[in-house]
Amino acid sequence: MPRNFKQEYKTQQERGEHESRMERQRARRKLDAKGVTRQGKDVAHVKALSKGGSNANGVRLEAPSKNRSFKRKSDGSMK
């Protein structure tokens, strides 16, 4: 069964995840425009988007293992 991308997009908007996704995309594009090679790295926000951060707070390149390894609460959110 093929993925229903329209439904996924609608669900993402209902959950309020759309703006965070766009913020991440803008951060990646900004680094690409500067000519930064980000191959094999993640663009990490200094203050996590889920904690109220934005691109204005700053971004940096990190190894994927470091950027994706935060302590979590039982509901899956960051501590």
PDB file of N, CA and C in Angstrom:
ATOM      1  N   MET A   1       0.848  -1.190   0.000  1.00  0.00           N
ATOM      2  CA  MET A   1       0.000   0.000   0.000  1.00  0.00           C
ATOM      3  C   MET A   1       0.891   1.251   0.000  1.00  0.00           C
ATOM      4  N   PRO A   2       0.725   2.143  -0.953  1.00  0.00           N
ATOM      5  CA  PRO A   2       1.561   3.349  -1.018  1.00  0.00           C
ATOM      6  C   PRO A   2       1.220   4.328   0.109  1.00  0.00           C
ATOM      7  N   ARG A   3       2.231   5.153   0.464  1.00  0.00           N
ATOM      8  CA  ARG A   3       2.018   6.153   1.506  1.00  0.00           C
ATOM      9  C   ARG A   3       1.068   7.235   1.017  1.00  0.00           C
ATOM     10  N   ASN A   4       0.231   7.706   1.926  1.00  0.00           N
ATOM     11  CA  ASN A   4      -0.706   8.783   1.624  1.00  0.00           C
ATOM     12  C   ASN A   4      -0.072  10.096   2.106  1.00  0.00           C
ATOM     13  N   PHE A   5       0.677  10.737   1.208  1.00  0.00           N
ATOM     14  CA  PHE A   5       1.407  11.938   1.586  1.00  0.00           C
ATOM     15  C   PHE A   5       0.479  13.095   1.942  1.00  0.00           C
ATOM     16  N   LYS A   6      -0.661  13.185   1.288  1.00  0.00           N
ATOM     17  CA  LYS A   6      -1.613  14.257   1.618  1.00  0.00           C
ATOM     18  C   LYS A   6      -2.100  14.111   3.048  1.00  0.00           C
ATOM     19  N   GLN A   7      -2.377  12.876   3.466  1.00  0.00           N
ATOM     20  CA  GLN A   7      -2.831  12.630   4.828  1.00  0.00           C
ATOM     21  C   GLN A   7      -1.716  12.927   5.834  1.00  0.00           C
ATOM     22  N   GLU A   8      -0.493  12.542   5.521  1.00  0.00           N
ATOM     23  CA  GLU A   8       0.636  12.806   6.400  1.00  0.00           C
ATOM     24  C   GLU A   8       0.829  14.311   6.587  1.00  0.00           C
ATOM     25  N   TYR A   9       0.732  15.075   5.502  1.00  0.00           N
ATOM     26  CA  TYR A   9       0.885  16.527   5.560  1.00  0.00           C
ATOM     27  C   TYR A   9      -0.225  17.142   6.409  1.00  0.00           C
ATOM     28  N   LYS A  10      -1.445  16.669   6.224  1.00  0.00           N
ATOM     29  CA  LYS A  10      -2.587  17.182   6.986  1.00  0.00           C
ATOM     30  C   LYS A  10      -2.407  16.894   8.476  1.00  0.00           C
ATOM     31  N   THR A  11      -1.964  15.693   8.799  1.00  0.00           N
ATOM     32  CA  THR A  11      -1.738  15.317  10.190  1.00  0.00           C
ATOM     33  C   THR A  11      -0.641  16.172  10.809  1.00  0.00           C
ATOM     34  N   GLN A  12       0.408  16.418  10.039  1.00  0.00           N
ATOM     35  CA  GLN A  12       1.516  17.236  10.520  1.00  0.00           C
ATOM     36  C   GLN A  12       1.039  18.653  10.851  1.00  0.00           C
ATOM     37  N   GLN A  13       0.197  19.207  10.016  1.00  0.00           N
ATOM     38  CA  GLN A  13      -0.322  20.548  10.267  1.00  0.00           C
ATOM     39  C   GLN A  13      -1.235  20.562  11.485  1.00  0.00           C
ATOM     40  N   GLU A  14      -2.063  19.529  11.647  1.00  0.00           N
ATOM     41  CA  GLU A  14      -2.969  19.462  12.789  1.00  0.00           C
ATOM     42  C   GLU A  14      -2.204  19.377  14.108  1.00  0.00           C
ATOM     43  N   ARG A  15      -1.085  18.692  14.097  1.00  0.00           N
ATOM     44  CA  ARG A  15      -0.275  18.539  15.305  1.00  0.00           C
ATOM     45  C   ARG A  15       0.576  19.773  15.591  1.00  0.00           C
ATOM     46  N   GLY A  16       0.658  20.698  14.654  1.00  0.00           N
ATOM     47  CA  GLY A  16       1.475  21.888  14.833  1.00  0.00           C
ATOM     48  C   GLY A  16       2.947  21.648  14.537  1.00  0.00           C
ATOM     49  N   GLU A  17       3.265  20.591  13.809  1.00  0.00           N
ATOM     50  CA  GLU A  17       4.653  20.251  13.506  1.00  0.00           C
ATOM     51  C   GLU A  17       5.157  20.950  12.248  1.00  0.00           C
ATOM     52  N   HIS A  18       4.264  21.495  11.469  1.00  0.00           N
ATOM     53  CA  HIS A  18       4.644  22.070  10.177  1.00  0.00           C
ATOM     54  C   HIS A  18       5.647  23.213  10.334  1.00  0.00           C
ATOM     55  N   GLU A  19       5.410  24.104  11.272  1.00  0.00           N
ATOM     56  CA  GLU A  19       6.280  25.272  11.427  1.00  0.00           C
ATOM     57  C   GLU A  19       7.682  24.860  11.864  1.00  0.00           C
ATOM     58  N   SER A  20       7.781  23.865  12.738  1.00  0.00           N
ATOM     59  CA  SER A  20       9.104  23.388  13.174  1.00  0.00           C
ATOM     60  C   SER A  20       9.861  22.774  12.001  1.00  0.00           C
ATOM     61  N   ARG A  21       9.153  22.030  11.156  1.00  0.00           N
ATOM     62  CA  ARG A  21       9.787  21.419   9.997  1.00  0.00           C
ATOM     63  C   ARG A  21      10.316  22.497   9.060  1.00  0.00           C
ATOM     64  N   MET A  22       9.537  23.549   8.866  1.00  0.00           N
ATOM     65  CA  MET A  22       9.954  24.637   7.996  1.00  0.00           C
ATOM     66  C   MET A  22      11.152  25.380   8.593  1.00  0.00           C
ATOM     67  N   GLU A  23      11.184  25.523   9.906  1.00  0.00           N
ATOM     68  CA  GLU A  23      12.308  26.189  10.569  1.00  0.00           C
ATOM     69  C   GLU A  23      13.588  25.382  10.359  1.00  0.00           C
ATOM     70  N   ARG A  24      13.499  24.055  10.454  1.00  0.00           N
ATOM     71  CA  ARG A  24      14.662  23.198  10.209  1.00  0.00           C
ATOM     72  C   ARG A  24      15.124  23.321   8.760  1.00  0.00           C
ATOM     73  N   GLN A  25      14.170  23.372   7.861  1.00  0.00           N
ATOM     74  CA  GLN A  25      14.503  23.479   6.435  1.00  0.00           C
ATOM     75  C   GLN A  25      15.183  24.812   6.131  1.00  0.00           C
ATOM     76  N   ARG A  26      14.705  25.885   6.734  1.00  0.00           N
ATOM     77  CA  ARG A  26      15.335  27.203   6.526  1.00  0.00           C
ATOM     78  C   ARG A  26      16.771  27.206   7.047  1.00  0.00           C
ATOM     79  N   ALA A  27      17.006  26.528   8.175  1.00  0.00           N
ATOM     80  CA  ALA A  27      18.359  26.462   8.733  1.00  0.00           C
ATOM     81  C   ALA A  27      19.296  25.723   7.787  1.00  0.00           C
ATOM     82  N   ARG A  28      18.828  24.599   7.216  1.00  0.00           N
ATOM     83  CA  ARG A  28      19.658  23.847   6.269  1.00  0.00           C
ATOM     84  C   ARG A  28      19.955  24.677   5.030  1.00  0.00           C
ATOM     85  N   ARG A  29      18.951  25.365   4.506  1.00  0.00           N
ATOM     86  CA  ARG A  29      19.144  26.179   3.299  1.00  0.00           C
ATOM     87  C   ARG A  29      20.098  27.337   3.545  1.00  0.00           C
ATOM     88  N   LYS A  30      20.037  27.917   4.741  1.00  0.00           N
ATOM     89  CA  LYS A  30      20.918  29.032   5.074  1.00  0.00           C
ATOM     90  C   LYS A  30      22.378  28.571   5.066  1.00  0.00           C
ATOM     91  N   LEU A  31      22.654  27.395   5.639  1.00  0.00           N
ATOM     92  CA  LEU A  31      24.016  26.868   5.632  1.00  0.00           C
ATOM     93  C   LEU A  31      24.454  26.512   4.217  1.00  0.00           C
ATOM     94  N   ASP A  32      23.553  25.960   3.426  1.00  0.00           N
ATOM     95  CA  ASP A  32      23.883  25.623   2.040  1.00  0.00           C
ATOM     96  C   ASP A  32      24.234  26.882   1.246  1.00  0.00           C
ATOM     97  N   ALA A  33      23.510  27.968   1.495  1.00  0.00           N
ATOM     98  CA  ALA A  33      23.767  29.222   0.777  1.00  0.00           C
ATOM     99  C   ALA A  33      25.139  29.792   1.140  1.00  0.00           C
ATOM    100  N   LYS A  34      25.596  29.534   2.367  1.00  0.00           N
ATOM    101  CA  LYS A  34      26.914  29.997   2.788  1.00  0.00           C
ATOM    102  C   LYS A  34      28.023  29.124   2.214  1.00  0.00           C
ATOM    103  N   GLY A  35      27.653  27.993   1.654  1.00  0.00           N
ATOM    104  CA  GLY A  35      28.638  27.088   1.082  1.00  0.00           C
ATOM    105  C   GLY A  35      29.213  26.099   2.082  1.00  0.00           C
ATOM    106  N   VAL A  36      28.541  25.927   3.225  1.00  0.00           N
ATOM    107  CA  VAL A  36      29.010  24.998   4.250  1.00  0.00           C
ATOM    108  C   VAL A  36      28.726  23.569   3.806  1.00  0.00           C
ATOM    109  N   THR A  37      29.725  22.701   3.912  1.00  0.00           N
ATOM    110  CA  THR A  37      29.537  21.292   3.590  1.00  0.00           C
ATOM    111  C   THR A  37      28.986  20.607   4.825  1.00  0.00           C
ATOM    112  N   ARG A  38      27.775  20.092   4.737  1.00  0.00           N
ATOM    113  CA  ARG A  38      27.149  19.454   5.886  1.00  0.00           C
ATOM    114  C   ARG A  38      26.954  17.958   5.688  1.00  0.00           C
ATOM    115  N   GLN A  39      27.725  17.395   4.782  1.00  0.00           N
ATOM    116  CA  GLN A  39      27.611  15.973   4.486  1.00  0.00           C
ATOM    117  C   GLN A  39      27.949  15.147   5.731  1.00  0.00           C
ATOM    118  N   GLY A  40      27.038  14.264   6.114  1.00  0.00           N
ATOM    119  CA  GLY A  40      27.237  13.405   7.269  1.00  0.00           C
ATOM    120  C   GLY A  40      26.985  14.077   8.594  1.00  0.00           C
ATOM    121  N   LYS A  41      26.521  15.307   8.588  1.00  0.00           N
ATOM    122  CA  LYS A  41      26.268  16.056   9.821  1.00  0.00           C
ATOM    123  C   LYS A  41      24.805  16.473   9.892  1.00  0.00           C
ATOM    124  N   ASP A  42      24.347  16.769  11.106  1.00  0.00           N
ATOM    125  CA  ASP A  42      23.015  17.309  11.322  1.00  0.00           C
ATOM    126  C   ASP A  42      23.131  18.794  11.628  1.00  0.00           C
ATOM    127  N   VAL A  43      22.137  19.560  11.218  1.00  0.00           N
ATOM    128  CA  VAL A  43      22.058  20.966  11.587  1.00  0.00           C
ATOM    129  C   VAL A  43      21.281  21.010  12.901  1.00  0.00           C
ATOM    130  N   ALA A  44      21.977  21.358  13.975  1.00  0.00           N
ATOM    131  CA  ALA A  44      21.383  21.356  15.310  1.00  0.00           C
ATOM    132  C   ALA A  44      21.109  22.785  15.753  1.00  0.00           C
ATOM    133  N   HIS A  45      19.972  22.993  16.358  1.00  0.00           N
ATOM    134  CA  HIS A  45      19.654  24.298  16.918  1.00  0.00           C
ATOM    135  C   HIS A  45      20.269  24.390  18.307  1.00  0.00           C
ATOM    136  N   VAL A  46      20.852  25.549  18.635  1.00  0.00           N
ATOM    137  CA  VAL A  46      21.480  25.736  19.939  1.00  0.00           C
ATOM    138  C   VAL A  46      20.425  25.534  21.026  1.00  0.00           C
ATOM    139  N   LYS A  47      19.270  26.129  20.853  1.00  0.00           N
ATOM    140  CA  LYS A  47      18.131  25.886  21.746  1.00  0.00           C
ATOM    141  C   LYS A  47      17.120  25.100  20.926  1.00  0.00           C
ATOM    142  N   ALA A  48      16.795  23.903  21.366  1.00  0.00           N
ATOM    143  CA  ALA A  48      15.929  23.002  20.614  1.00  0.00           C
ATOM    144  C   ALA A  48      14.591  23.662  20.269  1.00  0.00           C
ATOM    145  N   LEU A  49      14.096  23.365  19.078  1.00  0.00           N
ATOM    146  CA  LEU A  49      12.820  23.928  18.646  1.00  0.00           C
ATOM    147  C   LEU A  49      11.697  23.504  19.586  1.00  0.00           C
ATOM    148  N   SER A  50      11.775  22.281  20.090  1.00  0.00           N
ATOM    149  CA  SER A  50      10.729  21.799  20.995  1.00  0.00           C
ATOM    150  C   SER A  50      10.767  22.507  22.344  1.00  0.00           C
ATOM    151  N   LYS A  51      11.870  23.199  22.627  1.00  0.00           N
ATOM    152  CA  LYS A  51      12.003  23.963  23.869  1.00  0.00           C
ATOM    153  C   LYS A  51      11.802  25.454  23.631  1.00  0.00           C
ATOM    154  N   GLY A  52      11.303  25.819  22.451  1.00  0.00           N
ATOM    155  CA  GLY A  52      11.025  27.216  22.152  1.00  0.00           C
ATOM    156  C   GLY A  52      12.125  27.936  21.397  1.00  0.00           C
ATOM    157  N   GLY A  53      13.097  27.208  20.891  1.00  0.00           N
ATOM    158  CA  GLY A  53      14.190  27.826  20.152  1.00  0.00           C
ATOM    159  C   GLY A  53      13.789  28.169  18.729  1.00  0.00           C
ATOM    160  N   SER A  54      14.688  28.836  18.034  1.00  0.00           N
ATOM    161  CA  SER A  54      14.461  29.189  16.642  1.00  0.00           C
ATOM    162  C   SER A  54      15.822  29.336  15.971  1.00  0.00           C
ATOM    163  N   ASN A  55      15.809  29.656  14.696  1.00  0.00           N
ATOM    164  CA  ASN A  55      17.058  29.879  13.982  1.00  0.00           C
ATOM    165  C   ASN A  55      17.780  31.113  14.530  1.00  0.00           C
ATOM    166  N   ALA A  56      17.041  32.045  15.097  1.00  0.00           N
ATOM    167  CA  ALA A  56      17.642  33.250  15.658  1.00  0.00           C
ATOM    168  C   ALA A  56      18.528  32.919  16.862  1.00  0.00           C
ATOM    169  N   ASN A  57      18.247  31.811  17.551  1.00  0.00           N
ATOM    170  CA  ASN A  57      19.061  31.394  18.691  1.00  0.00           C
ATOM    171  C   ASN A  57      20.381  30.776  18.244  1.00  0.00           C
ATOM    172  N   GLY A  58      20.482  30.461  16.964  1.00  0.00           N
ATOM    173  CA  GLY A  58      21.718  29.910  16.420  1.00  0.00           C
ATOM    174  C   GLY A  58      21.595  28.450  16.048  1.00  0.00           C
ATOM    175  N   VAL A  59      22.399  28.052  15.077  1.00  0.00           N
ATOM    176  CA  VAL A  59      22.462  26.659  14.643  1.00  0.00           C
ATOM    177  C   VAL A  59      23.928  26.261  14.544  1.00  0.00           C
ATOM    178  N   ARG A  60      24.182  24.963  14.593  1.00  0.00           N
ATOM    179  CA  ARG A  60      25.537  24.450  14.465  1.00  0.00           C
ATOM    180  C   ARG A  60      25.484  23.071  13.832  1.00  0.00           C
ATOM    181  N   LEU A  61      26.602  22.642  13.306  1.00  0.00           N
ATOM    182  CA  LEU A  61      26.704  21.298  12.743  1.00  0.00           C
ATOM    183  C   LEU A  61      27.153  20.346  13.841  1.00  0.00           C
ATOM    184  N   GLU A  62      26.472  19.206  13.936  1.00  0.00           N
ATOM    185  CA  GLU A  62      26.822  18.186  14.922  1.00  0.00           C
ATOM    186  C   GLU A  62      26.754  16.830  14.276  1.00  0.00           C
ATOM    187  N   ALA A  63      27.455  15.882  14.866  1.00  0.00           N
ATOM    188  CA  ALA A  63      27.342  14.500  14.425  1.00  0.00           C
ATOM    189  C   ALA A  63      25.917  14.021  14.721  1.00  0.00           C
ATOM    190  N   PRO A  64      25.332  13.215  13.848  1.00  0.00           N
ATOM    191  CA  PRO A  64      23.966  12.735  14.080  1.00  0.00           C
ATOM    192  C   PRO A  64      23.802  12.029  15.419  1.00  0.00           C
ATOM    193  N   SER A  65      24.806  11.274  15.853  1.00  0.00           N
ATOM    194  CA  SER A  65      24.687  10.558  17.127  1.00  0.00           C
ATOM    195  C   SER A  65      24.571  11.518  18.305  1.00  0.00           C
ATOM    196  N   LYS A  66      25.244  12.669  18.226  1.00  0.00           N
ATOM    197  CA  LYS A  66      25.163  13.652  19.299  1.00  0.00           C
ATOM    198  C   LYS A  66      23.857  14.444  19.230  1.00  0.00           C
ATOM    199  N   ASN A  67      23.445  14.831  18.039  1.00  0.00           N
ATOM    200  CA  ASN A  67      22.246  15.643  17.887  1.00  0.00           C
ATOM    201  C   ASN A  67      20.966  14.870  18.214  1.00  0.00           C
ATOM    202  N   ARG A  68      20.964  13.577  18.058  1.00  0.00           N
ATOM    203  CA  ARG A  68      19.746  12.784  18.240  1.00  0.00           C
ATOM    204  C   ARG A  68      19.733  12.016  19.555  1.00  0.00           C
ATOM    205  N   SER A  69      20.662  12.299  20.449  1.00  0.00           N
ATOM    206  CA  SER A  69      20.744  11.520  21.680  1.00  0.00           C
ATOM    207  C   SER A  69      20.508  12.399  22.901  1.00  0.00           C
ATOM    208  N   PHE A  70      19.271  12.722  23.147  1.00  0.00           N
ATOM    209  CA  PHE A  70      18.906  13.507  24.314  1.00  0.00           C
ATOM    210  C   PHE A  70      18.201  12.606  25.317  1.00  0.00           C
ATOM    211  N   LYS A  71      18.326  12.926  26.577  1.00  0.00           N
ATOM    212  CA  LYS A  71      17.568  12.204  27.583  1.00  0.00           C
ATOM    213  C   LYS A  71      16.099  12.511  27.357  1.00  0.00           C
ATOM    214  N   ARG A  72      15.271  11.498  27.502  1.00  0.00           N
ATOM    215  CA  ARG A  72      13.845  11.640  27.212  1.00  0.00           C
ATOM    216  C   ARG A  72      12.989  11.377  28.446  1.00  0.00           C
ATOM    217  N   LYS A  73      11.813  11.992  28.462  1.00  0.00           N
ATOM    218  CA  LYS A  73      10.804  11.701  29.472  1.00  0.00           C
ATOM    219  C   LYS A  73      10.047  10.455  29.017  1.00  0.00           C
ATOM    220  N   SER A  74       9.187   9.961  29.875  1.00  0.00           N
ATOM    221  CA  SER A  74       8.440   8.751  29.545  1.00  0.00           C
ATOM    222  C   SER A  74       7.520   8.943  28.350  1.00  0.00           C
ATOM    223  N   ASP A  75       7.111  10.200  28.081  1.00  0.00           N
ATOM    224  CA  ASP A  75       6.247  10.458  26.922  1.00  0.00           C
ATOM    225  C   ASP A  75       7.046  10.666  25.633  1.00  0.00           C
ATOM    226  N   GLY A  76       8.383  10.598  25.707  1.00  0.00           N
ATOM    227  CA  GLY A  76       9.224  10.726  24.522  1.00  0.00           C
ATOM    228  C   GLY A  76       9.763  12.121  24.302  1.00  0.00           C
ATOM    229  N   SER A  77       9.283  13.106  25.057  1.00  0.00           N
ATOM    230  CA  SER A  77       9.784  14.472  24.870  1.00  0.00           C
ATOM    231  C   SER A  77      11.121  14.636  25.595  1.00  0.00           C
ATOM    232  N   MET A  78      11.841  15.690  25.231  1.00  0.00           N
ATOM    233  CA  MET A  78      13.152  15.933  25.841  1.00  0.00           C
ATOM    234  C   MET A  78      13.005  16.375  27.285  1.00  0.00           C
ATOM    235  N   LYS A  79      13.994  16.016  28.110  1.00  0.00           N
ATOM    236  CA  LYS A  79      14.014  16.460  29.511  1.00  0.00           C
ATOM    237  C   LYS A  79      14.479  17.869  29.600  1.00  0.00           C
TER     238      LYS A  79
END
